[in-house]
Protein backbone atom coordinates (compact mmCIF):
# COMPACT_ATOMS: atom_id res chain seq x y z
CA MET A 1 102.32 78.13 119.59
CA GLU A 2 101.48 81.61 120.82
CA LEU A 3 98.86 82.33 123.45
CA THR A 4 96.65 85.35 123.88
CA LEU A 5 96.47 86.99 127.27
CA LYS A 6 92.95 85.61 127.78
CA GLN A 7 94.08 82.05 126.97
CA TYR A 8 97.06 82.38 129.31
CA ASN A 9 94.87 83.65 132.17
CA THR A 10 92.39 80.80 131.61
CA ILE A 11 95.16 78.18 131.65
CA ARG A 12 96.70 79.81 134.71
CA LEU A 13 93.37 79.72 136.53
CA ILE A 14 92.87 76.03 135.67
CA ILE A 15 96.39 75.16 136.86
CA VAL A 16 95.88 77.02 140.14
CA PHE A 17 92.50 75.32 140.68
CA ILE A 18 93.94 71.84 140.05
CA LEU A 19 96.97 72.63 142.20
CA ALA A 20 94.75 73.78 145.07
CA MET A 21 92.73 70.55 144.89
CA PHE A 22 95.84 68.36 144.96
CA ILE A 23 97.47 70.35 147.76
CA GLY A 24 94.28 70.17 149.84
CA ASN A 25 94.14 66.41 149.40
CA MET A 26 97.83 65.97 150.18
CA ILE A 27 97.52 67.99 153.38
CA VAL A 28 94.55 65.87 154.49
CA LEU A 29 96.67 62.78 153.80
CA LYS A 30 99.55 64.39 155.75
CA ASN A 31 101.84 64.31 152.73
CA TYR A 32 103.76 67.59 152.88
CA PHE A 33 106.56 66.84 150.42
CA LEU A 34 104.49 66.23 147.28
CA PRO A 35 102.78 69.67 147.39
CA LEU A 36 106.21 71.32 147.24
CA ILE A 37 107.04 69.33 144.11
CA LEU A 38 103.65 70.18 142.57
CA ILE A 39 104.13 73.89 143.28
CA ALA A 40 107.58 73.81 141.65
CA VAL A 41 106.25 71.98 138.57
CA ALA A 42 103.29 74.36 138.25
CA SER A 43 105.61 77.38 138.58
CA ILE A 44 107.90 76.07 135.85
CA LEU A 45 104.92 75.31 133.61
CA LEU A 46 103.42 78.78 134.10
CA PHE A 47 106.80 80.42 133.54
CA SER A 48 107.25 78.56 130.25
CA LEU A 49 103.70 79.41 129.15
CA ARG A 50 104.21 83.07 130.02
CA LYS A 51 107.00 83.29 127.45
CA LYS A 52 104.53 82.19 124.77
CA VAL A 53 102.04 84.99 125.40
CA LYS A 54 101.86 87.56 122.65
CA GLY A 55 101.07 91.07 123.72
CA VAL A 56 101.60 93.03 126.90
CA LEU A 57 101.12 91.23 130.21
CA ALA A 58 101.54 94.28 132.42
CA ASP A 59 102.46 97.92 132.10
CA GLU A 60 104.30 100.41 134.31
CA ARG A 61 101.17 101.26 136.31
CA ASP A 62 100.82 97.61 137.36
CA TYR A 63 104.40 97.54 138.62
CA GLU A 64 103.96 100.85 140.45
CA LEU A 65 100.77 99.62 142.12
CA GLY A 66 102.49 96.31 142.92
CA GLY A 67 105.34 98.14 144.63
CA LYS A 68 102.98 100.29 146.68
CA SER A 69 100.81 97.35 147.69
CA ALA A 70 103.87 95.23 148.58
CA LEU A 71 105.20 97.98 150.84
CA LEU A 72 101.82 98.40 152.53
CA ALA A 73 101.42 94.62 152.96
CA MET A 74 104.91 94.43 154.50
CA GLN A 75 104.13 97.23 156.94
CA ILE A 76 100.76 95.77 157.95
CA TYR A 77 102.21 92.28 158.44
CA SER A 78 105.15 93.59 160.46
CA TRP A 79 103.02 95.66 162.80
CA THR A 80 100.43 92.91 163.21
CA ALA A 81 103.08 90.27 163.90
CA VAL A 82 104.90 92.48 166.44
CA VAL A 83 101.68 93.23 168.32
CA ALA A 84 100.74 89.52 168.27
CA MET A 85 104.25 88.63 169.43
CA PHE A 86 103.91 90.85 172.51
CA VAL A 87 100.44 89.45 173.26
CA PHE A 88 101.75 85.88 173.07
CA LEU A 89 104.72 86.81 175.27
CA ALA A 90 102.35 88.35 177.83
CA PHE A 91 100.42 85.08 178.05
CA SER A 92 103.43 82.76 177.87
CA ASP A 93 103.14 82.03 181.60
CA ILE A 94 99.73 80.47 180.95
CA ASN A 95 100.92 78.22 178.14
CA PRO A 96 104.61 77.77 177.19
CA VAL A 97 103.64 77.18 173.55
CA TYR A 98 102.80 80.89 173.35
CA SER A 99 106.47 81.69 173.84
CA ALA A 100 107.39 79.55 170.85
CA ILE A 101 104.71 81.27 168.76
CA ALA A 102 106.06 84.66 169.82
CA GLN A 103 109.60 83.66 168.87
CA THR A 104 108.40 82.39 165.50
CA LEU A 105 106.65 85.68 164.81
CA SER A 106 109.78 87.54 165.88
CA PHE A 107 111.96 85.46 163.53
CA SER A 108 109.55 85.93 160.64
CA VAL A 109 109.43 89.72 161.02
CA CYS A 110 113.23 89.95 161.31
CA TYR A 111 113.73 87.73 158.28
CA PHE A 112 111.08 89.60 156.30
CA MET A 113 112.68 92.98 157.02
CA LEU A 114 116.15 91.67 156.20
CA LEU A 115 114.91 90.15 152.96
CA TYR A 116 113.10 93.37 152.04
CA SER A 117 116.25 95.40 152.70
CA VAL A 118 118.41 93.13 150.54
CA ILE A 119 115.92 93.10 147.67
CA PHE A 120 115.39 96.85 147.89
CA SER A 121 119.15 97.42 147.84
CA TYR A 122 119.49 95.16 144.82
CA TYR A 123 116.76 96.96 142.89
CA ASN A 124 118.12 100.31 143.99
CA LYS A 125 121.31 99.23 142.21
CA LYS A 126 123.30 99.51 145.38
CA ASN A 127 126.92 98.85 144.74
CA LEU A 128 127.75 95.62 146.55
CA LYS A 129 131.36 96.78 146.77
CA ASP A 130 130.27 99.66 149.01
CA ARG A 131 132.01 98.98 152.34
CA ARG A 132 129.23 100.39 154.53
CA PHE A 133 126.58 98.27 152.84
CA VAL A 134 128.66 95.09 153.10
CA LEU A 135 129.54 95.82 156.74
CA THR A 136 125.89 96.46 157.62
CA ALA A 137 124.80 93.27 155.85
CA PHE A 138 127.53 91.29 157.64
CA ILE A 139 126.54 92.67 161.06
CA LEU A 140 122.87 91.88 160.41
CA ALA A 141 123.73 88.37 159.26
CA PHE A 142 125.95 87.88 162.33
CA PHE A 143 123.22 88.90 164.77
CA LEU A 144 120.64 86.83 162.89
CA ALA A 145 122.94 83.80 163.13
CA ILE A 146 123.43 84.36 166.89
CA TYR A 147 119.67 84.72 167.29
CA LEU A 148 119.04 81.51 165.37
CA ILE A 149 121.66 79.59 167.36
CA ALA A 150 120.15 80.83 170.63
CA GLY A 151 116.66 79.87 169.42
CA ILE A 152 117.81 76.40 168.43
CA TYR A 153 119.55 75.96 171.77
CA VAL A 154 116.52 77.10 173.78
CA PHE A 155 113.80 75.28 171.85
CA ILE A 156 115.51 72.15 170.58
CA LEU A 157 118.41 71.32 172.87
CA LYS A 158 116.68 72.09 176.15
């Protein structure tokens, strides 16, 4: 069975609508595990349906615009999160929870930048046997691990 692009988009919209309803209900019921399973099943279903679409789903302009918008979204999120992190740190004397929020924002920006760098290097066809690249990745991973261990010690063990 082949699908047209219009049929695929209609089915995709229906799946997303149903998924949003179930996830909303599960969150109200404080069931956080089932939504993860539903998202995985919906992703697999959409992926299998996408293979059955005849015709062109996207062209080069879509990918170029996607790359530009992803870069801009990354930059906006990073700057916003860093500014919010410093604001929460400034008010952490008022409420100690603000310090935890600031640390979470800090972790998310660091992880996001590291993930972006790895994905960009992969798509840039960076040779993973390049010693400088491997050394830089190892050093970043080392400092991230130290940062995570320190965060776990401060927030969980104390």
